[in-house]
Amino acid sequence: MTTLNPYLGFRGTAREAMEFYQGVFGGELTVSTFGDFGAAVEPDEVDLVMHSQLTGDAGVVFMGSDTPKHMDYREGSNFSMSLSGSDTDEAQLREYFERLSDGGTVQQPLSVAPWGDSFGMVQDRFGITWLVNIAAPAEG
């Protein structure tokens, strides 16, 4: 099953914001840093949030991350749409990625990411950024 969730961007305040939202919505918050995945470009990015997800008590689910200084960030337009699913959804998710790319700009080709899933980013022709994540097949 493919899921669609809002994805919020922050400039150095993702952890604080997501912890605040956890206080509002309850539930479970997971947080991974750029350092956790060896993805920091600059030394001051090691502790920035590369990905977080809040699964609230009442079914509210959204994600967030910090935007490093070398990437464009504009408060007020700091959100994306995130499509995710398992390896059984791969064909459909790849088709969505291709369709969203039509007339748009691929920012990150859909390929294997440091965390093991396939991941890609595309800005569609209307300026909306889409993140597509296909979970790696379960081992075993």
C-alpha atoms as a PDB file:
ATOM      1  CA  MET A   1       0.000   0.000   0.000  1.00  0.00           C
ATOM      2  CA  THR A   2       1.370   3.408  -0.987  1.00  0.00           C
ATOM      3  CA  THR A   3       1.064   6.197   1.569  1.00  0.00           C
ATOM      4  CA  LEU A   4       1.103   9.966   1.061  1.00  0.00           C
ATOM      5  CA  ASN A   5       2.368  12.214   3.846  1.00  0.00           C
ATOM      6  CA  PRO A   6       3.368  15.864   4.182  1.00  0.00           C
ATOM      7  CA  TYR A   7       7.109  16.396   4.661  1.00  0.00           C
ATOM      8  CA  LEU A   8       8.214  19.562   6.450  1.00  0.00           C
ATOM      9  CA  GLY A   9      11.581  21.263   6.004  1.00  0.00           C
ATOM     10  CA  PHE A  10      13.391  23.260   8.662  1.00  0.00           C
ATOM     11  CA  ARG A  11      16.681  25.151   8.931  1.00  0.00           C
ATOM     12  CA  GLY A  12      18.325  23.675  12.009  1.00  0.00           C
ATOM     13  CA  THR A  13      15.156  23.350  14.111  1.00  0.00           C
ATOM     14  CA  ALA A  14      13.696  20.035  12.895  1.00  0.00           C
ATOM     15  CA  ARG A  15      14.343  18.130  16.130  1.00  0.00           C
ATOM     16  CA  GLU A  16      12.841  20.915  18.271  1.00  0.00           C
ATOM     17  CA  ALA A  17       9.820  21.255  15.965  1.00  0.00           C
ATOM     18  CA  MET A  18       9.143  17.532  15.706  1.00  0.00           C
ATOM     19  CA  GLU A  19       9.431  17.126  19.502  1.00  0.00           C
ATOM     20  CA  PHE A  20       6.961  20.000  19.859  1.00  0.00           C
ATOM     21  CA  TYR A  21       4.546  18.287  17.449  1.00  0.00           C
ATOM     22  CA  GLN A  22       4.947  15.038  19.395  1.00  0.00           C
ATOM     23  CA  GLY A  23       3.815  16.982  22.469  1.00  0.00           C
ATOM     24  CA  VAL A  24       0.770  18.138  20.524  1.00  0.00           C
ATOM     25  CA  PHE A  25      -0.197  14.867  18.774  1.00  0.00           C
ATOM     26  CA  GLY A  26       1.419  12.251  21.059  1.00  0.00           C
ATOM     27  CA  GLY A  27       2.658   9.034  19.526  1.00  0.00           C
ATOM     28  CA  GLU A  28       6.052   7.818  18.406  1.00  0.00           C
ATOM     29  CA  LEU A  29       8.793  10.028  16.984  1.00  0.00           C
ATOM     30  CA  THR A  30      11.792   8.576  15.144  1.00  0.00           C
ATOM     31  CA  VAL A  31      14.774  10.771  14.296  1.00  0.00           C
ATOM     32  CA  SER A  32      17.886  10.072  12.190  1.00  0.00           C
ATOM     33  CA  THR A  33      20.700  12.568  11.633  1.00  0.00           C
ATOM     34  CA  PHE A  34      22.936  13.226   8.650  1.00  0.00           C
ATOM     35  CA  GLY A  35      25.749  11.838  10.819  1.00  0.00           C
ATOM     36  CA  ASP A  36      23.857   8.570  11.364  1.00  0.00           C
ATOM     37  CA  PHE A  37      24.071   7.908   7.609  1.00  0.00           C
ATOM     38  CA  GLY A  38      27.477   9.455   6.945  1.00  0.00           C
ATOM     39  CA  ALA A  39      25.734  12.010   4.730  1.00  0.00           C
ATOM     40  CA  ALA A  40      26.996  15.264   6.272  1.00  0.00           C
ATOM     41  CA  VAL A  41      28.691  17.497   3.685  1.00  0.00           C
ATOM     42  CA  GLU A  42      29.989  19.973   6.293  1.00  0.00           C
ATOM     43  CA  PRO A  43      31.054  19.194   9.893  1.00  0.00           C
ATOM     44  CA  ASP A  44      28.207  21.315  11.324  1.00  0.00           C
ATOM     45  CA  GLU A  45      25.634  19.083   9.579  1.00  0.00           C
ATOM     46  CA  VAL A  46      26.400  15.901  11.551  1.00  0.00           C
ATOM     47  CA  ASP A  47      23.652  16.506  14.133  1.00  0.00           C
ATOM     48  CA  LEU A  48      21.082  17.950  11.724  1.00  0.00           C
ATOM     49  CA  VAL A  49      17.973  15.825  11.220  1.00  0.00           C
ATOM     50  CA  MET A  50      18.114  13.968   7.908  1.00  0.00           C
ATOM     51  CA  HIS A  51      14.743  12.308   8.476  1.00  0.00           C
ATOM     52  CA  SER A  52      12.129  12.187  11.209  1.00  0.00           C
ATOM     53  CA  GLN A  53       8.654  10.727  11.343  1.00  0.00           C
ATOM     54  CA  LEU A  54       5.886  11.340  13.818  1.00  0.00           C
ATOM     55  CA  THR A  55       3.136   8.746  14.039  1.00  0.00           C
ATOM     56  CA  GLY A  56       0.592  10.383  16.320  1.00  0.00           C
ATOM     57  CA  ASP A  57      -1.844   8.621  18.613  1.00  0.00           C
ATOM     58  CA  ALA A  58      -4.882   9.443  16.451  1.00  0.00           C
ATOM     59  CA  GLY A  59      -3.384   8.403  13.104  1.00  0.00           C
ATOM     60  CA  VAL A  60      -1.666  11.697  12.244  1.00  0.00           C
ATOM     61  CA  VAL A  61       1.539  10.909  10.314  1.00  0.00           C
ATOM     62  CA  PHE A  62       4.049  13.372   8.919  1.00  0.00           C
ATOM     63  CA  MET A  63       7.767  13.740   8.439  1.00  0.00           C
ATOM     64  CA  GLY A  64      10.414  16.424   8.688  1.00  0.00           C
ATOM     65  CA  SER A  65      14.076  17.190   8.210  1.00  0.00           C
ATOM     66  CA  ASP A  66      16.642  19.965   8.388  1.00  0.00           C
ATOM     67  CA  THR A  67      17.768  21.653   5.194  1.00  0.00           C
ATOM     68  CA  PRO A  68      21.566  22.071   5.178  1.00  0.00           C
ATOM     69  CA  LYS A  69      23.022  25.502   4.379  1.00  0.00           C
ATOM     70  CA  HIS A  70      24.165  24.418   0.895  1.00  0.00           C
ATOM     71  CA  MET A  71      20.543  23.653  -0.099  1.00  0.00           C
ATOM     72  CA  ASP A  72      17.811  26.175  -0.948  1.00  0.00           C
ATOM     73  CA  TYR A  73      15.416  26.946   1.909  1.00  0.00           C
ATOM     74  CA  ARG A  74      12.531  29.409   1.959  1.00  0.00           C
ATOM     75  CA  GLU A  75      10.333  29.571   5.029  1.00  0.00           C
ATOM     76  CA  GLY A  76       6.682  29.376   4.015  1.00  0.00           C
ATOM     77  CA  SER A  77       7.394  27.027   1.133  1.00  0.00           C
ATOM     78  CA  ASN A  78       9.313  24.503   3.209  1.00  0.00           C
ATOM     79  CA  PHE A  79       7.225  21.407   2.592  1.00  0.00           C
ATOM     80  CA  SER A  80       7.132  18.451   0.215  1.00  0.00           C
ATOM     81  CA  MET A  81       4.837  15.539  -0.479  1.00  0.00           C
ATOM     82  CA  SER A  82       6.217  12.110   0.402  1.00  0.00           C
ATOM     83  CA  LEU A  83       5.115   8.909  -1.351  1.00  0.00           C
ATOM     84  CA  SER A  84       6.313   5.717   0.280  1.00  0.00           C
ATOM     85  CA  GLY A  85       5.671   2.020   0.112  1.00  0.00           C
ATOM     86  CA  SER A  86       7.262  -1.398   0.268  1.00  0.00           C
ATOM     87  CA  ASP A  87       9.134  -3.270  -2.435  1.00  0.00           C
ATOM     88  CA  THR A  88       5.793  -4.803  -3.487  1.00  0.00           C
ATOM     89  CA  ASP A  89       4.692  -1.256  -4.462  1.00  0.00           C
ATOM     90  CA  GLU A  90       7.867  -0.577  -6.448  1.00  0.00           C
ATOM     91  CA  ALA A  91       6.353  -0.623  -9.958  1.00  0.00           C
ATOM     92  CA  GLN A  92       3.575   1.778  -8.998  1.00  0.00           C
ATOM     93  CA  LEU A  93       5.918   4.115  -7.102  1.00  0.00           C
ATOM     94  CA  ARG A  94       8.380   4.198 -10.013  1.00  0.00           C
ATOM     95  CA  GLU A  95       5.495   5.009 -12.366  1.00  0.00           C
ATOM     96  CA  TYR A  96       4.382   7.863 -10.088  1.00  0.00           C
ATOM     97  CA  PHE A  97       7.959   9.189 -10.067  1.00  0.00           C
ATOM     98  CA  GLU A  98       8.138   9.112 -13.870  1.00  0.00           C
ATOM     99  CA  ARG A  99       4.740  10.768 -14.301  1.00  0.00           C
ATOM    100  CA  LEU A 100       5.601  13.493 -11.769  1.00  0.00           C
ATOM    101  CA  SER A 101       8.877  14.074 -13.662  1.00  0.00           C
ATOM    102  CA  ASP A 102       7.032  14.879 -16.911  1.00  0.00           C
ATOM    103  CA  GLY A 103       7.652  18.591 -17.415  1.00  0.00           C
ATOM    104  CA  GLY A 104       9.367  18.788 -14.041  1.00  0.00           C
ATOM    105  CA  THR A 105      12.925  18.564 -12.723  1.00  0.00           C
ATOM    106  CA  VAL A 106      14.463  15.444 -11.202  1.00  0.00           C
ATOM    107  CA  GLN A 107      16.452  16.654  -8.192  1.00  0.00           C
ATOM    108  CA  GLN A 108      17.611  13.200  -7.061  1.00  0.00           C
ATOM    109  CA  PRO A 109      17.267  10.205  -9.395  1.00  0.00           C
ATOM    110  CA  LEU A 110      15.369   7.258  -7.928  1.00  0.00           C
ATOM    111  CA  SER A 111      18.232   5.050  -6.729  1.00  0.00           C
ATOM    112  CA  VAL A 112      19.477   3.158  -3.669  1.00  0.00           C
ATOM    113  CA  ALA A 113      20.037   5.575  -0.765  1.00  0.00           C
ATOM    114  CA  PRO A 114      22.473   5.274   2.183  1.00  0.00           C
ATOM    115  CA  TRP A 115      19.674   3.823   4.369  1.00  0.00           C
ATOM    116  CA  GLY A 116      19.118   0.952   1.901  1.00  0.00           C
ATOM    117  CA  ASP A 117      15.783   1.978   0.372  1.00  0.00           C
ATOM    118  CA  SER A 118      15.357   3.386  -3.131  1.00  0.00           C
ATOM    119  CA  PHE A 119      14.786   7.135  -2.938  1.00  0.00           C
ATOM    120  CA  GLY A 120      14.285   9.979  -5.381  1.00  0.00           C
ATOM    121  CA  MET A 121      13.164  13.607  -5.444  1.00  0.00           C
ATOM    122  CA  VAL A 122      11.403  15.460  -8.225  1.00  0.00           C
ATOM    123  CA  GLN A 123       9.929  18.934  -8.497  1.00  0.00           C
ATOM    124  CA  ASP A 124       6.840  18.706 -10.676  1.00  0.00           C
ATOM    125  CA  ARG A 125       5.898  21.247 -13.336  1.00  0.00           C
ATOM    126  CA  PHE A 126       3.845  23.150 -10.747  1.00  0.00           C
ATOM    127  CA  GLY A 127       6.773  23.617  -8.334  1.00  0.00           C
ATOM    128  CA  ILE A 128       5.767  20.941  -5.803  1.00  0.00           C
ATOM    129  CA  THR A 129       8.603  18.727  -4.556  1.00  0.00           C
ATOM    130  CA  TRP A 130       7.828  15.014  -4.293  1.00  0.00           C
ATOM    131  CA  LEU A 131       9.901  12.518  -2.301  1.00  0.00           C
ATOM    132  CA  VAL A 132       9.523   8.872  -3.328  1.00  0.00           C
ATOM    133  CA  ASN A 133      10.805   6.112  -1.027  1.00  0.00           C
ATOM    134  CA  ILE A 134      10.613   2.409  -1.843  1.00  0.00           C
ATOM    135  CA  ALA A 135      11.488   0.248   1.156  1.00  0.00           C
ATOM    136  CA  ALA A 136      14.197  -2.319   0.568  1.00  0.00           C
ATOM    137  CA  PRO A 137      13.020  -5.926   0.509  1.00  0.00           C
ATOM    138  CA  ALA A 138      12.870  -7.487   3.955  1.00  0.00           C
ATOM    139  CA  GLU A 139      15.717  -9.889   4.630  1.00  0.00           C
ATOM    140  CA  GLY A 140      14.980 -13.476   5.407  1.00  0.00           C
END
